[in-house]
């Protein structure tokens, strides 16, 4: 029997009946984290996100004649323009993962330091993860560990979006570069936009500052982590609150993702002459990616060592608030390209 599943049986009282609960035996000490791996991944991600931020920075405009060969990709003179985006995004991701890490350590659950994932792309990263190396003791620990990361990252992302919108520029729609992409709004991001920028006149749009873009990404990362399925952060929260009904909620979430891809907004295809091509153009393929990930990352949730310890009212409210944040930040069509 594996160390993770081994343990002794103890008798406990639950709802007036005696039940047997498996109590985990002490685990052997795991190998120490290879700090150099975490450091190397972090340095690589700092570079790839800084490069992504540099390429989108409005401050780089006018320097094209001085950046006419590949060496500018490594020139600190140009890379410095990408730091506002990089520092903001990595700050949000890092605080999210450290929320998980610190809470895990508080509950004496062994966890790795964050692994940042560099990925040369529009944003320069695939995010960050930590590894839990021991079983979670009970549902209270499960909701603390599951909710701490999204809540910590959410607060920083809201601040970053507000500050970034204050630095953003309102421009006429005719000035939007051809092929530029637009970002969808959630209930919360639309409200923050109204609060910071106010009502936009017809024919005008907002050219987001890189800090605002990083804040928007932080809120979207919060949504993806809070998807109530499998062993996502939202899945941990749902299991802690609803127990075995987690399996049905996971199945419902997977169906909802498929429906959002197939019949979610926009709906201009319903009046288009070429229905299929307009419908396909309006689909956001990201929901299929997360549908696939949700299917392979485990639709079931392993129980904690003590699945019978009830949640206290405060932790129930933490779970409900996390699910409300998911609804407020959800974006049916996150990214689309301007015609």
Protein backbone atom coordinates (compact mmCIF):
# COMPACT_ATOMS: atom_id res chain seq x y z
CA UNK A 1 0.00 0.00 0.00
CA UNK A 2 1.36 3.46 -0.89
CA UNK A 3 2.34 5.94 1.82
CA UNK A 4 -0.42 8.28 0.69
CA UNK A 5 -3.15 5.71 1.24
CA UNK A 6 -1.76 3.95 4.28
CA UNK A 7 -3.04 4.75 7.75
CA UNK A 8 -4.82 3.44 10.77
CA UNK A 9 -8.55 3.28 11.38
CA UNK A 10 -10.01 5.32 14.22
CA UNK A 11 -13.55 5.37 15.61
CA UNK A 12 -15.27 8.76 15.69
CA UNK A 13 -18.76 9.94 16.47
CA UNK A 14 -20.68 11.63 13.66
CA UNK A 15 -24.40 12.56 13.89
CA UNK A 16 -24.80 10.24 16.85
CA UNK A 17 -23.26 7.20 15.13
CA UNK A 18 -19.83 5.67 15.45
CA UNK A 19 -17.91 5.55 12.19
CA UNK A 20 -14.45 4.48 11.16
CA UNK A 21 -12.17 7.17 9.78
CA UNK A 22 -8.80 6.52 8.17
CA UNK A 23 -6.13 8.53 9.93
CA UNK A 24 -3.00 9.07 7.91
CA UNK A 25 0.30 7.84 9.29
CA UNK A 26 3.27 10.19 9.14
CA UNK A 27 4.70 10.44 5.65
CA UNK A 28 8.39 9.99 4.96
CA UNK A 29 10.17 13.25 4.33
CA UNK A 30 10.01 14.09 0.61
CA UNK A 31 13.04 15.21 -1.39
CA UNK A 32 13.93 18.84 -0.87
CA UNK A 33 12.91 21.35 -3.53
CA UNK A 34 15.56 21.97 -6.12
CA UNK A 35 15.77 25.69 -5.63
CA UNK A 36 17.80 26.13 -8.80
CA UNK A 37 14.92 24.72 -10.88
CA UNK A 38 12.45 27.21 -9.41
CA UNK A 39 14.98 30.02 -9.85
CA UNK A 40 15.78 29.11 -13.46
CA UNK A 41 12.11 28.89 -14.40
CA UNK A 42 11.42 32.22 -12.71
CA UNK A 43 14.29 33.94 -14.55
CA UNK A 44 13.13 32.48 -17.87
CA UNK A 45 9.56 33.63 -17.20
CA UNK A 46 10.76 37.11 -16.24
CA UNK A 47 12.46 37.31 -19.63
CA UNK A 48 9.55 35.95 -21.70
CA UNK A 49 6.95 38.15 -19.98
CA UNK A 50 9.23 41.19 -20.22
CA UNK A 51 9.69 40.50 -23.92
CA UNK A 52 5.91 40.21 -24.35
CA UNK A 53 5.40 43.45 -22.45
CA UNK A 54 8.06 45.21 -24.52
CA UNK A 55 6.42 44.22 -27.80
CA UNK A 56 3.05 45.61 -26.66
CA UNK A 57 4.39 48.71 -24.92
CA UNK A 58 3.24 52.06 -26.36
CA UNK A 59 6.59 53.51 -25.21
CA UNK A 60 8.38 51.44 -27.85
CA UNK A 61 6.63 53.28 -30.67
CA UNK A 62 9.09 55.44 -32.58
CA UNK A 63 12.08 53.23 -31.84
CA UNK A 64 11.48 50.78 -34.69
CA UNK A 65 14.35 52.19 -36.71
CA UNK A 66 16.71 51.42 -33.83
CA UNK A 67 15.33 47.91 -33.34
CA UNK A 68 15.77 46.53 -36.83
CA UNK A 69 17.50 43.22 -36.04
CA UNK A 70 17.01 40.33 -33.62
CA UNK A 71 19.51 41.67 -31.07
CA UNK A 72 16.92 44.13 -29.74
CA UNK A 73 15.18 41.09 -28.19
CA UNK A 74 18.01 40.94 -25.65
CA UNK A 75 18.86 44.63 -25.41
CA UNK A 76 18.14 45.99 -21.90
CA UNK A 77 17.52 49.41 -23.44
CA UNK A 78 14.38 48.03 -25.11
CA UNK A 79 13.46 45.29 -22.63
CA UNK A 80 12.96 47.86 -19.88
CA UNK A 81 9.75 48.92 -21.66
CA UNK A 82 8.29 45.49 -20.89
CA UNK A 83 8.84 45.64 -17.13
CA UNK A 84 5.49 47.26 -16.18
CA UNK A 85 3.60 44.34 -17.74
CA UNK A 86 6.03 41.68 -16.52
CA UNK A 87 6.24 42.89 -12.92
CA UNK A 88 2.47 43.28 -12.66
CA UNK A 89 1.59 39.91 -14.17
CA UNK A 90 4.25 37.95 -12.28
CA UNK A 91 3.26 39.76 -9.09
CA UNK A 92 -0.35 38.61 -9.51
CA UNK A 93 0.65 35.03 -10.35
CA UNK A 94 3.26 34.89 -7.61
CA UNK A 95 0.93 36.20 -4.90
CA UNK A 96 -1.73 33.72 -6.04
CA UNK A 97 0.64 30.77 -5.69
CA UNK A 98 2.18 32.03 -2.46
CA UNK A 99 -1.34 32.22 -1.04
CA UNK A 100 -1.61 28.48 -1.62
CA UNK A 101 1.93 27.86 -0.35
CA UNK A 102 1.67 29.82 2.89
CA UNK A 103 -1.75 28.35 3.73
CA UNK A 104 -0.48 24.84 2.99
CA UNK A 105 2.45 25.34 5.34
CA UNK A 106 0.11 26.76 8.00
CA UNK A 107 -1.87 23.51 7.81
CA UNK A 108 1.36 21.44 7.80
CA UNK A 109 0.67 20.24 4.27
CA UNK A 110 3.92 19.81 2.36
CA UNK A 111 4.02 21.97 -0.75
CA UNK A 112 6.62 22.99 -3.29
CA UNK A 113 7.63 26.53 -4.06
CA UNK A 114 5.92 27.94 -7.17
CA UNK A 115 6.98 26.69 -10.58
CA UNK A 116 6.67 29.54 -13.09
CA UNK A 117 6.12 28.35 -16.67
CA UNK A 118 7.81 30.44 -19.40
CA UNK A 119 6.16 30.35 -22.80
CA UNK A 120 7.07 32.71 -25.66
CA UNK A 121 3.69 34.10 -26.64
CA UNK A 122 1.48 37.17 -26.48
CA UNK A 123 1.74 37.15 -22.67
CA UNK A 124 4.97 35.19 -22.21
CA UNK A 125 3.82 32.55 -19.73
CA UNK A 126 1.45 29.70 -19.05
CA UNK A 127 1.13 30.72 -15.42
CA UNK A 128 2.55 29.16 -12.27
CA UNK A 129 1.78 26.10 -10.15
CA UNK A 130 2.74 24.53 -6.84
CA UNK A 131 2.77 20.83 -6.01
CA UNK A 132 1.11 19.48 -2.89
CA UNK A 133 3.25 16.63 -1.56
CA UNK A 134 1.01 15.30 1.19
CA UNK A 135 -2.65 14.69 1.87
CA UNK A 136 -4.94 17.53 2.94
CA UNK A 137 -6.12 16.83 6.51
CA UNK A 138 -9.75 17.99 6.41
CA UNK A 139 -12.36 20.09 4.61
CA UNK A 140 -11.40 23.23 6.51
CA UNK A 141 -7.83 22.94 5.28
CA UNK A 142 -9.13 22.16 1.80
CA UNK A 143 -11.15 25.35 1.53
CA UNK A 144 -8.36 27.44 3.10
CA UNK A 145 -5.77 26.13 0.64
CA UNK A 146 -8.13 26.20 -2.35
CA UNK A 147 -9.47 29.73 -1.80
CA UNK A 148 -6.35 31.53 -0.52
CA UNK A 149 -4.63 31.68 -3.91
CA UNK A 150 -7.54 33.03 -6.00
CA UNK A 151 -8.56 35.53 -3.31
CA UNK A 152 -5.01 36.90 -2.90
CA UNK A 153 -4.46 37.13 -6.66
CA UNK A 154 -7.91 38.66 -7.16
CA UNK A 155 -7.20 41.59 -4.83
CA UNK A 156 -3.93 42.43 -6.60
CA UNK A 157 -5.52 42.02 -10.06
CA UNK A 158 -8.35 44.45 -9.19
CA UNK A 159 -5.81 47.05 -8.02
CA UNK A 160 -3.68 46.53 -11.14
CA UNK A 161 -6.68 46.87 -13.46
CA UNK A 162 -7.80 50.08 -11.79
CA UNK A 163 -4.32 51.64 -11.87
CA UNK A 164 -3.72 50.45 -15.43
CA UNK A 165 -7.03 51.87 -16.68
CA UNK A 166 -6.06 55.22 -15.17
CA UNK A 167 -2.92 55.11 -17.37
CA UNK A 168 -4.77 53.88 -20.47
CA UNK A 169 -5.72 56.05 -23.46
CA UNK A 170 -9.14 56.69 -24.94
CA UNK A 171 -8.88 56.70 -28.74
CA UNK A 172 -11.23 56.84 -31.72
CA UNK A 173 -12.19 53.48 -33.15
CA UNK A 174 -10.63 54.52 -36.49
CA UNK A 175 -7.23 54.72 -34.73
CA UNK A 176 -7.32 51.11 -33.55
CA UNK A 177 -4.54 49.25 -35.40
CA UNK A 178 -5.72 46.73 -37.98
CA UNK A 179 -5.66 43.19 -36.61
CA UNK A 180 -5.67 44.35 -32.99
CA UNK A 181 -7.45 42.13 -30.51
CA UNK A 182 -10.17 43.21 -28.13
CA UNK A 183 -10.79 41.95 -24.61
CA UNK A 184 -14.22 40.98 -23.37
CA UNK A 185 -15.67 42.48 -20.21
CA UNK A 186 -16.92 40.73 -17.12
CA UNK A 187 -19.46 42.31 -14.78
CA UNK A 188 -16.62 43.43 -12.52
CA UNK A 189 -14.20 44.72 -15.19
CA UNK A 190 -17.03 46.70 -16.85
CA UNK A 191 -17.87 48.29 -13.50
CA UNK A 192 -14.22 49.17 -12.83
CA UNK A 193 -13.99 50.68 -16.33
CA UNK A 194 -17.03 52.85 -15.68
CA UNK A 195 -15.61 53.93 -12.33
CA UNK A 196 -12.13 54.84 -13.61
CA UNK A 197 -12.76 56.01 -17.19
CA UNK A 198 -16.44 56.81 -17.21
CA UNK A 199 -18.86 56.55 -20.11
CA UNK A 200 -17.20 56.23 -23.52
CA UNK A 201 -18.64 58.37 -26.33
CA UNK A 202 -19.86 56.48 -29.37
CA UNK A 203 -17.02 55.67 -31.74
CA UNK A 204 -14.34 55.58 -29.05
CA UNK A 205 -12.52 52.73 -27.32
CA UNK A 206 -9.81 52.25 -24.69
CA UNK A 207 -6.24 51.36 -25.65
CA UNK A 208 -5.20 49.43 -22.55
CA UNK A 209 -1.93 50.19 -20.83
CA UNK A 210 0.17 47.01 -20.29
CA UNK A 211 -0.49 47.22 -16.54
CA UNK A 212 -4.25 47.20 -17.23
CA UNK A 213 -3.81 44.24 -19.55
CA UNK A 214 -1.91 42.38 -16.82
CA UNK A 215 -4.72 43.18 -14.36
CA UNK A 216 -7.31 41.90 -16.83
CA UNK A 217 -5.27 38.72 -17.25
CA UNK A 218 -5.10 38.36 -13.48
CA UNK A 219 -8.89 38.44 -13.21
CA UNK A 220 -9.21 35.96 -16.06
CA UNK A 221 -6.67 33.64 -14.42
CA UNK A 222 -8.81 33.87 -11.27
CA UNK A 223 -11.84 32.73 -13.27
CA UNK A 224 -9.99 29.78 -14.79
CA UNK A 225 -8.67 28.67 -11.41
CA UNK A 226 -12.12 28.99 -9.83
CA UNK A 227 -13.83 26.78 -12.42
CA UNK A 228 -15.89 24.49 -10.15
CA UNK A 229 -14.58 21.18 -11.42
CA UNK A 230 -12.02 18.47 -10.78
CA UNK A 231 -9.02 19.53 -8.74
CA UNK A 232 -9.00 23.15 -9.83
CA UNK A 233 -9.10 25.66 -6.97
CA UNK A 234 -12.83 25.99 -7.57
CA UNK A 235 -13.11 22.21 -7.44
CA UNK A 236 -11.43 22.16 -4.01
CA UNK A 237 -13.90 24.77 -2.77
CA UNK A 238 -16.92 22.94 -4.18
CA UNK A 239 -15.78 19.63 -2.63
CA UNK A 240 -15.23 21.30 0.74
CA UNK A 241 -18.76 22.79 0.70
CA UNK A 242 -20.81 20.16 -1.12
CA UNK A 243 -18.86 16.94 -0.57
CA UNK A 244 -19.80 14.11 -2.92
CA UNK A 245 -22.04 16.37 -5.01
CA UNK A 246 -18.74 17.69 -6.38
CA UNK A 247 -18.86 14.96 -9.06
CA UNK A 248 -22.20 16.21 -10.42
CA UNK A 249 -21.08 19.85 -10.28
CA UNK A 250 -17.94 18.93 -12.23
CA UNK A 251 -20.01 17.19 -14.92
CA UNK A 252 -22.33 20.20 -15.11
CA UNK A 253 -19.35 22.55 -15.49
CA UNK A 254 -17.91 20.49 -18.35
CA UNK A 255 -21.28 20.56 -20.12
CA UNK A 256 -21.54 24.32 -19.53
CA UNK A 257 -18.09 24.90 -21.08
CA UNK A 258 -19.12 22.92 -24.15
CA UNK A 259 -22.34 24.93 -24.42
CA UNK A 260 -20.50 28.23 -23.99
CA UNK A 261 -18.25 27.31 -26.88
CA UNK A 262 -21.11 26.14 -29.09
CA UNK A 263 -23.94 28.59 -28.37
CA UNK A 264 -22.38 31.40 -26.34
CA UNK A 265 -22.15 35.00 -27.59
CA UNK A 266 -21.88 36.64 -30.06
CA UNK A 267 -25.11 35.86 -31.90
CA UNK A 268 -24.64 37.84 -35.12
CA UNK A 269 -24.33 34.52 -36.99
CA UNK A 270 -28.08 33.97 -36.59
CA UNK A 271 -28.80 36.72 -39.15
CA UNK A 272 -25.74 36.14 -41.37
CA UNK A 273 -26.08 34.73 -44.91
CA UNK A 274 -23.20 32.32 -44.30
CA UNK A 275 -24.33 31.02 -40.94
CA UNK A 276 -21.63 28.41 -40.35
CA UNK A 277 -18.56 30.51 -41.17
CA UNK A 278 -19.77 33.49 -39.10
CA UNK A 279 -20.69 31.15 -36.22
CA UNK A 280 -17.27 29.45 -36.32
CA UNK A 281 -15.44 32.78 -36.46
CA UNK A 282 -17.22 33.90 -33.31
CA UNK A 283 -16.27 30.82 -31.26
CA UNK A 284 -13.50 31.21 -28.66
CA UNK A 285 -11.41 28.01 -28.81
CA UNK A 286 -10.11 28.50 -25.27
CA UNK A 287 -13.26 26.94 -23.82
CA UNK A 288 -12.45 23.73 -25.71
CA UNK A 289 -8.94 23.79 -24.22
CA UNK A 290 -10.31 24.08 -20.69
CA UNK A 291 -12.95 21.48 -21.44
CA UNK A 292 -10.15 19.11 -22.43
CA UNK A 293 -8.06 20.00 -19.36
CA UNK A 294 -11.02 19.54 -17.06
CA UNK A 295 -11.68 16.13 -18.58
CA UNK A 296 -8.11 14.84 -18.17
CA UNK A 297 -7.22 16.48 -14.84
CA UNK A 298 -9.61 14.30 -12.95
CA UNK A 299 -13.34 14.67 -12.68
CA UNK A 300 -13.17 13.11 -9.23
CA UNK A 301 -11.77 14.70 -6.11
CA UNK A 302 -9.83 12.65 -3.55
CA UNK A 303 -11.26 13.02 -0.04
CA UNK A 304 -9.17 14.63 2.70
CA UNK A 305 -7.88 12.46 5.52
CA UNK A 306 -10.86 13.45 7.65
CA UNK A 307 -13.83 14.12 5.33
CA UNK A 308 -16.31 14.41 8.22
CA UNK A 309 -15.05 17.50 10.05
CA UNK A 310 -17.74 20.10 9.23
CA UNK A 311 -16.99 23.55 7.90
CA UNK A 312 -17.41 26.45 10.27
CA UNK A 313 -19.63 29.39 9.13
CA UNK A 314 -16.66 31.64 8.29
CA UNK A 315 -15.16 29.09 5.89
CA UNK A 316 -18.54 28.51 4.27
CA UNK A 317 -18.75 32.24 3.59
CA UNK A 318 -15.20 32.21 2.19
CA UNK A 319 -16.32 29.50 -0.23
CA UNK A 320 -19.47 31.33 -1.24
CA UNK A 321 -17.57 34.61 -1.75
CA UNK A 322 -15.08 32.76 -3.98
CA UNK A 323 -17.91 31.43 -6.13
CA UNK A 324 -19.46 34.92 -6.34
CA UNK A 325 -16.09 36.27 -7.52
CA UNK A 326 -16.09 33.58 -10.20
CA UNK A 327 -19.48 34.81 -11.46
CA UNK A 328 -18.49 38.49 -11.34
CA UNK A 329 -15.25 37.88 -13.27
CA UNK A 330 -16.55 35.37 -15.82
CA UNK A 331 -16.18 36.50 -19.45
CA UNK A 332 -18.25 34.61 -22.05
CA UNK A 333 -16.02 35.75 -24.94
CA UNK A 334 -12.63 36.72 -23.50
CA UNK A 335 -10.63 37.60 -26.64
CA UNK A 336 -11.68 38.50 -30.17
CA UNK A 337 -10.03 40.29 -33.05
CA UNK A 338 -11.16 43.63 -34.42
CA UNK A 339 -12.27 43.53 -38.06
